[in-house]
Amino acid sequence: MRRDGRRGPAFWLLGGFFVLFVLFLYGPLSTIVLLSFQGPDGGLTFPMNGVSLNWFRNLFEKQAVGDFGGSFLRSLILGVMVMATTVAVSLLAGLAFRRRFRGATFLFYLAVASLIVPSILVSLGVGLGFQIAGVPPAWYSSAFGAQLTWTLPFGLLIMFAVFNRFNRSYEEAARDLGASSWQTFSNVVLPIILPSLIGVGLFGFTLSYDEFARTLMTAGTFNTLPLEIYGMTTNVTTPVLYALGTLTTLFSFLIILGVLATILVLRARRARRTAG
């Protein structure tokens, strides 16, 4: 912004770029949501032929192609497994890396190296490894491990950043008051970093829930939801596919809103304790 209060060309250029970004991100999503409310005789394109909830009802009926209920449940369970593991390992690794130890740098780069490896190669390698070992690939074993190669590096990077900014004087004050190491962690450190841990958990769950490439060769016989949706795109020719996309998008937004509400409640409680 200029000194005279007028907005310069850079403001309008960046504003126009942001508008295009929002349209590119939410335009296709809005189209899918609208077409999911097609009438019983509606198709996959505009113009809409009536408005109804027919395709949402059809989604929960027995389908000739696709297993929405089973794939959704598998993705949900797998996402929770990945989320819990990512939070636990990231927290423990963040605590460990607060103190320098031999091989820390090598171990750090080894942990984040999977981010630069193409996802499909990771999936192929994990799937082949399980087959060579004589263990059939499955969504709860090989896919679980493959997805951790994607979520753990992000969790580690977040926790490293959190602990790098953490003020150690809080811990020193707790120890001066006679608190043990466990009491210091549970009553001082954990409440402070809890919002960040919730963020790591949300990150891990969403990355797992939406992951396609690293699950493609490792899911085994039963598909996760992204794989099921991909399979349905080649077989389903009705708006029931759009109804599925609308419900899964709504589910993702509800999770995000739930996490944000939890963080706000925790911050409000902390503010009341500080004021009291």
C-alpha atoms as a PDB file:
ATOM      1  CA  MET A   1       0.000   0.000   0.000  1.00  0.00           C
ATOM      2  CA  ARG A   2       1.279   3.447  -0.877  1.00  0.00           C
ATOM      3  CA  ARG A   3       1.913   6.199   1.648  1.00  0.00           C
ATOM      4  CA  ASP A   4      -1.091   8.157   0.373  1.00  0.00           C
ATOM      5  CA  GLY A   5      -3.363   5.219   1.303  1.00  0.00           C
ATOM      6  CA  ARG A   6      -4.017   4.058  -2.256  1.00  0.00           C
ATOM      7  CA  ARG A   7      -3.455   0.414  -3.147  1.00  0.00           C
ATOM      8  CA  GLY A   8      -0.692  -0.180  -5.656  1.00  0.00           C
ATOM      9  CA  PRO A   9      -0.598  -2.544  -8.653  1.00  0.00           C
ATOM     10  CA  ALA A  10       0.985  -5.305  -6.544  1.00  0.00           C
ATOM     11  CA  PHE A  11      -2.102  -5.432  -4.305  1.00  0.00           C
ATOM     12  CA  TRP A  12      -4.481  -5.894  -7.218  1.00  0.00           C
ATOM     13  CA  LEU A  13      -2.164  -8.428  -8.878  1.00  0.00           C
ATOM     14  CA  LEU A  14      -1.955 -10.559  -5.737  1.00  0.00           C
ATOM     15  CA  GLY A  15      -5.687 -10.096  -5.097  1.00  0.00           C
ATOM     16  CA  GLY A  16      -6.498 -11.311  -8.604  1.00  0.00           C
ATOM     17  CA  PHE A  17      -4.191 -14.301  -8.166  1.00  0.00           C
ATOM     18  CA  PHE A  18      -5.925 -15.190  -4.890  1.00  0.00           C
ATOM     19  CA  VAL A  19      -9.366 -15.000  -6.535  1.00  0.00           C
ATOM     20  CA  LEU A  20      -8.204 -17.301  -9.332  1.00  0.00           C
ATOM     21  CA  PHE A  21      -6.768 -19.687  -6.753  1.00  0.00           C
ATOM     22  CA  VAL A  22     -10.078 -19.839  -4.843  1.00  0.00           C
ATOM     23  CA  LEU A  23     -12.032 -20.380  -8.067  1.00  0.00           C
ATOM     24  CA  PHE A  24      -9.647 -23.110  -9.165  1.00  0.00           C
ATOM     25  CA  LEU A  25      -9.854 -24.815  -5.760  1.00  0.00           C
ATOM     26  CA  TYR A  26     -13.575 -24.551  -4.969  1.00  0.00           C
ATOM     27  CA  GLY A  27     -15.078 -24.241  -8.471  1.00  0.00           C
ATOM     28  CA  PRO A  28     -14.835 -27.961  -9.337  1.00  0.00           C
ATOM     29  CA  LEU A  29     -15.889 -28.876  -5.802  1.00  0.00           C
ATOM     30  CA  SER A  30     -18.991 -26.682  -6.070  1.00  0.00           C
ATOM     31  CA  THR A  31     -19.845 -28.325  -9.382  1.00  0.00           C
ATOM     32  CA  ILE A  32     -19.680 -31.793  -7.848  1.00  0.00           C
ATOM     33  CA  VAL A  33     -21.866 -30.716  -4.919  1.00  0.00           C
ATOM     34  CA  LEU A  34     -24.493 -29.208  -7.218  1.00  0.00           C
ATOM     35  CA  LEU A  35     -24.607 -32.204  -9.567  1.00  0.00           C
ATOM     36  CA  SER A  36     -24.982 -34.596  -6.629  1.00  0.00           C
ATOM     37  CA  PHE A  37     -28.482 -33.145  -6.110  1.00  0.00           C
ATOM     38  CA  GLN A  38     -29.624 -34.117  -9.616  1.00  0.00           C
ATOM     39  CA  GLY A  39     -33.099 -35.545 -10.062  1.00  0.00           C
ATOM     40  CA  PRO A  40     -33.638 -39.295 -10.622  1.00  0.00           C
ATOM     41  CA  ASP A  41     -33.198 -38.846 -14.384  1.00  0.00           C
ATOM     42  CA  GLY A  42     -30.154 -36.604 -14.060  1.00  0.00           C
ATOM     43  CA  GLY A  43     -26.774 -37.246 -15.634  1.00  0.00           C
ATOM     44  CA  LEU A  44     -23.156 -36.405 -14.997  1.00  0.00           C
ATOM     45  CA  THR A  45     -23.213 -32.957 -16.616  1.00  0.00           C
ATOM     46  CA  PHE A  46     -25.238 -29.774 -16.692  1.00  0.00           C
ATOM     47  CA  PRO A  47     -28.003 -28.794 -17.151  1.00  0.00           C
ATOM     48  CA  MET A  48     -29.519 -30.321 -14.034  1.00  0.00           C
ATOM     49  CA  ASN A  49     -32.612 -32.466 -14.531  1.00  0.00           C
ATOM     50  CA  GLY A  50     -34.557 -31.703 -11.374  1.00  0.00           C
ATOM     51  CA  VAL A  51     -33.431 -31.513  -7.758  1.00  0.00           C
ATOM     52  CA  SER A  52     -33.622 -34.379  -5.269  1.00  0.00           C
ATOM     53  CA  LEU A  53     -31.738 -36.476  -2.703  1.00  0.00           C
ATOM     54  CA  ASN A  54     -32.168 -39.573  -4.849  1.00  0.00           C
ATOM     55  CA  TRP A  55     -28.470 -40.218  -5.394  1.00  0.00           C
ATOM     56  CA  PHE A  56     -27.655 -39.893  -1.717  1.00  0.00           C
ATOM     57  CA  ARG A  57     -30.298 -42.535  -0.944  1.00  0.00           C
ATOM     58  CA  ASN A  58     -28.984 -44.667  -3.774  1.00  0.00           C
ATOM     59  CA  LEU A  59     -25.490 -44.406  -2.332  1.00  0.00           C
ATOM     60  CA  PHE A  60     -26.483 -46.315   0.803  1.00  0.00           C
ATOM     61  CA  GLU A  61     -28.291 -49.019  -1.131  1.00  0.00           C
ATOM     62  CA  LYS A  62     -26.586 -52.131  -2.473  1.00  0.00           C
ATOM     63  CA  GLN A  63     -24.471 -51.124  -5.450  1.00  0.00           C
ATOM     64  CA  ALA A  64     -23.698 -53.245  -8.474  1.00  0.00           C
ATOM     65  CA  VAL A  65     -20.250 -51.630  -8.505  1.00  0.00           C
ATOM     66  CA  GLY A  66     -18.405 -50.273  -5.509  1.00  0.00           C
ATOM     67  CA  ASP A  67     -18.315 -50.801  -1.781  1.00  0.00           C
ATOM     68  CA  PHE A  68     -18.770 -47.362  -0.254  1.00  0.00           C
ATOM     69  CA  GLY A  69     -19.504 -48.462   3.293  1.00  0.00           C
ATOM     70  CA  GLY A  70     -16.651 -50.937   3.580  1.00  0.00           C
ATOM     71  CA  SER A  71     -14.056 -48.698   1.939  1.00  0.00           C
ATOM     72  CA  PHE A  72     -15.086 -45.724   4.083  1.00  0.00           C
ATOM     73  CA  LEU A  73     -14.769 -47.792   7.268  1.00  0.00           C
ATOM     74  CA  ARG A  74     -11.358 -49.088   6.220  1.00  0.00           C
ATOM     75  CA  SER A  75     -10.106 -45.579   5.441  1.00  0.00           C
ATOM     76  CA  LEU A  76     -11.470 -44.319   8.754  1.00  0.00           C
ATOM     77  CA  ILE A  77      -9.782 -47.060  10.800  1.00  0.00           C
ATOM     78  CA  LEU A  78      -6.543 -46.733   8.850  1.00  0.00           C
ATOM     79  CA  GLY A  79      -6.603 -42.951   9.298  1.00  0.00           C
ATOM     80  CA  VAL A  80      -7.011 -43.298  13.070  1.00  0.00           C
ATOM     81  CA  MET A  81      -4.174 -45.852  13.212  1.00  0.00           C
ATOM     82  CA  VAL A  82      -1.861 -43.592  11.224  1.00  0.00           C
ATOM     83  CA  MET A  83      -2.910 -40.529  13.246  1.00  0.00           C
ATOM     84  CA  ALA A  84      -2.200 -42.169  16.614  1.00  0.00           C
ATOM     85  CA  THR A  85       1.142 -43.571  15.483  1.00  0.00           C
ATOM     86  CA  THR A  86       2.217 -40.297  13.897  1.00  0.00           C
ATOM     87  CA  VAL A  87       1.395 -38.298  17.036  1.00  0.00           C
ATOM     88  CA  ALA A  88       3.142 -40.743  19.378  1.00  0.00           C
ATOM     89  CA  VAL A  89       6.313 -41.169  17.302  1.00  0.00           C
ATOM     90  CA  SER A  90       6.558 -37.466  16.431  1.00  0.00           C
ATOM     91  CA  LEU A  91       6.215 -36.471  20.085  1.00  0.00           C
ATOM     92  CA  LEU A  92       8.823 -38.969  21.274  1.00  0.00           C
ATOM     93  CA  ALA A  93      11.207 -38.023  18.460  1.00  0.00           C
ATOM     94  CA  GLY A  94      10.743 -34.325  19.206  1.00  0.00           C
ATOM     95  CA  LEU A  95      11.610 -34.935  22.851  1.00  0.00           C
ATOM     96  CA  ALA A  96      14.627 -37.059  21.893  1.00  0.00           C
ATOM     97  CA  PHE A  97      16.024 -34.487  19.469  1.00  0.00           C
ATOM     98  CA  ARG A  98      15.948 -31.775  22.129  1.00  0.00           C
ATOM     99  CA  ARG A  99      19.291 -33.195  23.213  1.00  0.00           C
ATOM    100  CA  ARG A 100      22.054 -33.683  20.713  1.00  0.00           C
ATOM    101  CA  PHE A 101      23.244 -37.255  20.278  1.00  0.00           C
ATOM    102  CA  ARG A 102      25.584 -39.047  17.944  1.00  0.00           C
ATOM    103  CA  GLY A 103      24.043 -39.651  14.540  1.00  0.00           C
ATOM    104  CA  ALA A 104      21.170 -37.189  15.086  1.00  0.00           C
ATOM    105  CA  THR A 105      21.742 -35.379  11.782  1.00  0.00           C
ATOM    106  CA  PHE A 106      21.918 -38.603   9.785  1.00  0.00           C
ATOM    107  CA  LEU A 107      18.826 -39.963  11.494  1.00  0.00           C
ATOM    108  CA  PHE A 108      16.915 -36.757  10.775  1.00  0.00           C
ATOM    109  CA  TYR A 109      17.691 -36.810   7.043  1.00  0.00           C
ATOM    110  CA  LEU A 110      16.966 -40.520   6.902  1.00  0.00           C
ATOM    111  CA  ALA A 111      13.521 -39.895   8.407  1.00  0.00           C
ATOM    112  CA  VAL A 112      12.557 -37.142   5.963  1.00  0.00           C
ATOM    113  CA  ALA A 113      14.144 -38.730   2.881  1.00  0.00           C
ATOM    114  CA  SER A 114      10.890 -40.474   1.971  1.00  0.00           C
ATOM    115  CA  LEU A 115       9.368 -37.080   1.126  1.00  0.00           C
ATOM    116  CA  ILE A 116      11.508 -36.834  -1.999  1.00  0.00           C
ATOM    117  CA  VAL A 117      10.908 -40.412  -3.157  1.00  0.00           C
ATOM    118  CA  PRO A 118       8.006 -40.703  -5.635  1.00  0.00           C
ATOM    119  CA  SER A 119       4.977 -42.051  -3.804  1.00  0.00           C
ATOM    120  CA  ILE A 120       4.230 -44.729  -6.371  1.00  0.00           C
ATOM    121  CA  LEU A 121       7.768 -46.133  -5.952  1.00  0.00           C
ATOM    122  CA  VAL A 122       7.302 -46.323  -2.192  1.00  0.00           C
ATOM    123  CA  SER A 123       4.027 -48.157  -2.719  1.00  0.00           C
ATOM    124  CA  LEU A 124       5.594 -50.538  -5.226  1.00  0.00           C
ATOM    125  CA  GLY A 125       8.596 -51.217  -2.989  1.00  0.00           C
ATOM    126  CA  VAL A 126       6.531 -51.901   0.131  1.00  0.00           C
ATOM    127  CA  GLY A 127       4.113 -54.116  -1.783  1.00  0.00           C
ATOM    128  CA  LEU A 128       6.935 -56.151  -3.331  1.00  0.00           C
ATOM    129  CA  GLY A 129       8.676 -56.432   0.022  1.00  0.00           C
ATOM    130  CA  PHE A 130       5.603 -57.958   1.629  1.00  0.00           C
ATOM    131  CA  GLN A 131       5.116 -60.363  -1.268  1.00  0.00           C
ATOM    132  CA  ILE A 132       8.763 -61.499  -1.142  1.00  0.00           C
ATOM    133  CA  ALA A 133       8.395 -62.070   2.600  1.00  0.00           C
ATOM    134  CA  GLY A 134       5.344 -64.229   1.911  1.00  0.00           C
ATOM    135  CA  VAL A 135       2.962 -61.836   3.684  1.00  0.00           C
ATOM    136  CA  PRO A 136      -0.093 -60.795   1.638  1.00  0.00           C
ATOM    137  CA  PRO A 137      -0.350 -56.986   1.374  1.00  0.00           C
ATOM    138  CA  ALA A 138      -3.318 -55.561   3.291  1.00  0.00           C
ATOM    139  CA  TRP A 139      -4.668 -52.133   4.148  1.00  0.00           C
ATOM    140  CA  TYR A 140      -3.988 -52.634   7.878  1.00  0.00           C
ATOM    141  CA  SER A 141      -0.349 -53.768   7.467  1.00  0.00           C
ATOM    142  CA  SER A 142       1.514 -52.851   4.288  1.00  0.00           C
ATOM    143  CA  ALA A 143      -0.674 -49.817   3.502  1.00  0.00           C
ATOM    144  CA  PHE A 144      -0.304 -48.704   7.111  1.00  0.00           C
ATOM    145  CA  GLY A 145       3.485 -48.798   6.843  1.00  0.00           C
ATOM    146  CA  ALA A 146       3.516 -47.121   3.436  1.00  0.00           C
ATOM    147  CA  GLN A 147       1.362 -44.246   4.680  1.00  0.00           C
ATOM    148  CA  LEU A 148       3.601 -43.723   7.719  1.00  0.00           C
ATOM    149  CA  THR A 149       6.473 -42.970   5.332  1.00  0.00           C
ATOM    150  CA  TRP A 150       4.341 -40.009   4.237  1.00  0.00           C
ATOM    151  CA  THR A 151       2.878 -38.758   7.513  1.00  0.00           C
ATOM    152  CA  LEU A 152       5.791 -39.242   9.939  1.00  0.00           C
ATOM    153  CA  PRO A 153       8.213 -36.824   8.233  1.00  0.00           C
ATOM    154  CA  PHE A 154       5.620 -34.043   8.374  1.00  0.00           C
ATOM    155  CA  GLY A 155       4.874 -34.810  12.014  1.00  0.00           C
ATOM    156  CA  LEU A 156       8.583 -34.780  12.861  1.00  0.00           C
ATOM    157  CA  LEU A 157       9.160 -31.446  11.140  1.00  0.00           C
ATOM    158  CA  ILE A 158       6.242 -29.879  12.998  1.00  0.00           C
ATOM    159  CA  MET A 159       7.380 -31.129  16.405  1.00  0.00           C
ATOM    160  CA  PHE A 160      10.981 -30.060  15.765  1.00  0.00           C
ATOM    161  CA  ALA A 161       9.748 -26.549  15.009  1.00  0.00           C
ATOM    162  CA  VAL A 162       7.570 -26.566  18.145  1.00  0.00           C
ATOM    163  CA  PHE A 163      10.375 -27.640  20.466  1.00  0.00           C
ATOM    164  CA  ASN A 164      12.873 -25.256  18.859  1.00  0.00           C
ATOM    165  CA  ARG A 165      10.629 -22.372  19.991  1.00  0.00           C
ATOM    166  CA  PHE A 166       9.781 -23.904  23.356  1.00  0.00           C
ATOM    167  CA  ASN A 167      10.871 -21.844  26.364  1.00  0.00           C
ATOM    168  CA  ARG A 168      12.762 -24.154  28.713  1.00  0.00           C
ATOM    169  CA  SER A 169      12.304 -21.733  31.602  1.00  0.00           C
ATOM    170  CA  TYR A 170       8.852 -23.236  32.199  1.00  0.00           C
ATOM    171  CA  GLU A 171      10.401 -26.625  32.858  1.00  0.00           C
ATOM    172  CA  GLU A 172      13.131 -25.147  35.030  1.00  0.00           C
ATOM    173  CA  ALA A 173      10.517 -23.346  37.121  1.00  0.00           C
ATOM    174  CA  ALA A 174       8.550 -26.577  37.600  1.00  0.00           C
ATOM    175  CA  ARG A 175      11.688 -28.430  38.709  1.00  0.00           C
ATOM    176  CA  ASP A 176      12.572 -25.634  41.122  1.00  0.00           C
ATOM    177  CA  LEU A 177       9.141 -26.145  42.688  1.00  0.00           C
ATOM    178  CA  GLY A 178       9.894 -29.831  43.221  1.00  0.00           C
ATOM    179  CA  ALA A 179       8.127 -31.388  40.226  1.00  0.00           C
ATOM    180  CA  SER A 180       9.443 -34.679  38.890  1.00  0.00           C
ATOM    181  CA  SER A 181      10.322 -35.205  35.229  1.00  0.00           C
ATOM    182  CA  TRP A 182       6.946 -36.834  34.555  1.00  0.00           C
ATOM    183  CA  GLN A 183       5.043 -34.101  36.415  1.00  0.00           C
ATOM    184  CA  THR A 184       6.940 -31.454  34.473  1.00  0.00           C
ATOM    185  CA  PHE A 185       6.047 -33.103  31.196  1.00  0.00           C
ATOM    186  CA  SER A 186       2.384 -33.872  31.959  1.00  0.00           C
ATOM    187  CA  ASN A 187       1.526 -30.625  33.750  1.00  0.00           C
ATOM    188  CA  VAL A 188       3.744 -28.108  31.965  1.00  0.00           C
ATOM    189  CA  VAL A 189       5.095 -29.291  28.607  1.00  0.00           C
ATOM    190  CA  LEU A 190       2.110 -31.294  27.360  1.00  0.00           C
ATOM    191  CA  PRO A 191      -0.557 -28.582  27.905  1.00  0.00           C
ATOM    192  CA  ILE A 192       1.609 -26.055  26.055  1.00  0.00           C
ATOM    193  CA  ILE A 193       2.286 -28.242  23.019  1.00  0.00           C
ATOM    194  CA  LEU A 194      -1.174 -29.886  22.974  1.00  0.00           C
ATOM    195  CA  PRO A 195      -2.584 -27.655  20.167  1.00  0.00           C
ATOM    196  CA  SER A 196       0.436 -28.573  18.045  1.00  0.00           C
ATOM    197  CA  LEU A 197      -0.100 -32.263  18.782  1.00  0.00           C
ATOM    198  CA  ILE A 198      -3.724 -31.923  17.698  1.00  0.00           C
ATOM    199  CA  GLY A 199      -2.488 -30.319  14.487  1.00  0.00           C
ATOM    200  CA  VAL A 200      -0.075 -33.216  13.903  1.00  0.00           C
ATOM    201  CA  GLY A 201      -2.927 -35.658  14.482  1.00  0.00           C
ATOM    202  CA  LEU A 202      -5.210 -33.816  12.046  1.00  0.00           C
ATOM    203  CA  PHE A 203      -2.409 -33.665   9.498  1.00  0.00           C
ATOM    204  CA  GLY A 204      -1.697 -37.381   9.844  1.00  0.00           C
ATOM    205  CA  PHE A 205      -5.354 -38.352   9.564  1.00  0.00           C
ATOM    206  CA  THR A 206      -6.098 -36.227   6.504  1.00  0.00           C
ATOM    207  CA  LEU A 207      -2.939 -37.348   4.696  1.00  0.00           C
ATOM    208  CA  SER A 208      -3.883 -40.974   5.350  1.00  0.00           C
ATOM    209  CA  TYR A 209      -7.583 -40.566   4.575  1.00  0.00           C
ATOM    210  CA  ASP A 210      -6.856 -39.006   1.163  1.00  0.00           C
ATOM    211  CA  GLU A 211      -3.757 -40.982   0.222  1.00  0.00           C
ATOM    212  CA  PHE A 212      -3.923 -42.778  -3.104  1.00  0.00           C
ATOM    213  CA  ALA A 213      -0.475 -43.440  -4.593  1.00  0.00           C
ATOM    214  CA  ARG A 214       1.167 -45.023  -1.533  1.00  0.00           C
ATOM    215  CA  THR A 215      -1.904 -47.200  -0.987  1.00  0.00           C
ATOM    216  CA  LEU A 216      -2.321 -48.331  -4.593  1.00  0.00           C
ATOM    217  CA  MET A 217       0.102 -51.265  -4.445  1.00  0.00           C
ATOM    218  CA  THR A 218      -0.216 -51.981  -0.719  1.00  0.00           C
ATOM    219  CA  ALA A 219      -3.951 -52.129   0.052  1.00  0.00           C
ATOM    220  CA  GLY A 220      -4.283 -55.767  -0.929  1.00  0.00           C
ATOM    221  CA  THR A 221      -7.680 -57.242  -1.733  1.00  0.00           C
ATOM    222  CA  PHE A 222      -9.848 -54.561  -0.115  1.00  0.00           C
ATOM    223  CA  ASN A 223      -9.800 -50.939  -1.261  1.00  0.00           C
ATOM    224  CA  THR A 224      -9.617 -47.820   0.842  1.00  0.00           C
ATOM    225  CA  LEU A 225     -11.983 -44.980  -0.020  1.00  0.00           C
ATOM    226  CA  PRO A 226      -9.669 -43.134  -2.485  1.00  0.00           C
ATOM    227  CA  LEU A 227      -9.018 -46.386  -4.348  1.00  0.00           C
ATOM    228  CA  GLU A 228     -12.735 -47.193  -4.363  1.00  0.00           C
ATOM    229  CA  ILE A 229     -13.593 -43.755  -5.755  1.00  0.00           C
ATOM    230  CA  TYR A 230     -10.976 -44.158  -8.465  1.00  0.00           C
ATOM    231  CA  GLY A 231     -12.420 -47.541  -9.384  1.00  0.00           C
ATOM    232  CA  MET A 232     -15.929 -46.125  -9.451  1.00  0.00           C
ATOM    233  CA  THR A 233     -14.931 -43.407 -11.931  1.00  0.00           C
ATOM    234  CA  THR A 234     -14.359 -46.084 -14.559  1.00  0.00           C
ATOM    235  CA  ASN A 235     -17.595 -47.991 -13.873  1.00  0.00           C
ATOM    236  CA  VAL A 236     -20.242 -45.685 -12.367  1.00  0.00           C
ATOM    237  CA  THR A 237     -21.979 -43.359 -14.819  1.00  0.00           C
ATOM    238  CA  THR A 238     -24.583 -41.795 -12.521  1.00  0.00           C
ATOM    239  CA  PRO A 239     -24.451 -38.856 -10.054  1.00  0.00           C
ATOM    240  CA  VAL A 240     -24.094 -41.356  -7.202  1.00  0.00           C
ATOM    241  CA  LEU A 241     -20.361 -40.762  -7.640  1.00  0.00           C
ATOM    242  CA  TYR A 242     -20.901 -37.038  -7.012  1.00  0.00           C
ATOM    243  CA  ALA A 243     -22.990 -37.845  -3.940  1.00  0.00           C
ATOM    244  CA  LEU A 244     -20.080 -39.872  -2.606  1.00  0.00           C
ATOM    245  CA  GLY A 245     -17.719 -36.962  -3.244  1.00  0.00           C
ATOM    246  CA  THR A 246     -20.064 -34.555  -1.459  1.00  0.00           C
ATOM    247  CA  LEU A 247     -20.369 -36.753   1.626  1.00  0.00           C
ATOM    248  CA  THR A 248     -16.628 -37.394   1.899  1.00  0.00           C
ATOM    249  CA  THR A 249     -15.909 -33.669   1.520  1.00  0.00           C
ATOM    250  CA  LEU A 250     -18.475 -32.850   4.195  1.00  0.00           C
ATOM    251  CA  PHE A 251     -16.912 -35.437   6.474  1.00  0.00           C
ATOM    252  CA  SER A 252     -13.472 -33.864   6.006  1.00  0.00           C
ATOM    253  CA  PHE A 253     -14.781 -30.376   6.802  1.00  0.00           C
ATOM    254  CA  LEU A 254     -16.544 -31.664   9.922  1.00  0.00           C
ATOM    255  CA  ILE A 255     -13.290 -33.164  11.187  1.00  0.00           C
ATOM    256  CA  ILE A 256     -11.457 -29.882  10.623  1.00  0.00           C
ATOM    257  CA  LEU A 257     -14.187 -27.892  12.385  1.00  0.00           C
ATOM    258  CA  GLY A 258     -14.168 -30.351  15.275  1.00  0.00           C
ATOM    259  CA  VAL A 259     -10.407 -29.991  15.710  1.00  0.00           C
ATOM    260  CA  LEU A 260     -10.583 -26.189  15.531  1.00  0.00           C
ATOM    261  CA  ALA A 261     -13.367 -26.174  18.126  1.00  0.00           C
ATOM    262  CA  THR A 262     -11.258 -28.395  20.395  1.00  0.00           C
ATOM    263  CA  ILE A 263      -8.276 -26.051  20.097  1.00  0.00           C
ATOM    264  CA  LEU A 264     -10.450 -23.019  20.911  1.00  0.00           C
ATOM    265  CA  VAL A 265     -11.869 -24.761  23.989  1.00  0.00           C
ATOM    266  CA  LEU A 266      -8.382 -25.668  25.206  1.00  0.00           C
ATOM    267  CA  ARG A 267      -7.177 -22.105  24.720  1.00  0.00           C
ATOM    268  CA  ALA A 268     -10.200 -20.731  26.567  1.00  0.00           C
ATOM    269  CA  ARG A 269      -9.560 -23.074  29.504  1.00  0.00           C
ATOM    270  CA  ARG A 270      -5.919 -22.074  29.605  1.00  0.00           C
ATOM    271  CA  ALA A 271      -6.870 -18.400  29.545  1.00  0.00           C
ATOM    272  CA  ARG A 272      -9.283 -18.911  32.471  1.00  0.00           C
ATOM    273  CA  ARG A 273      -6.616 -20.751  34.466  1.00  0.00           C
ATOM    274  CA  THR A 274      -4.099 -17.991  33.777  1.00  0.00           C
ATOM    275  CA  ALA A 275      -6.608 -15.305  34.789  1.00  0.00           C
ATOM    276  CA  GLY A 276      -7.531 -17.217  37.951  1.00  0.00           C
END
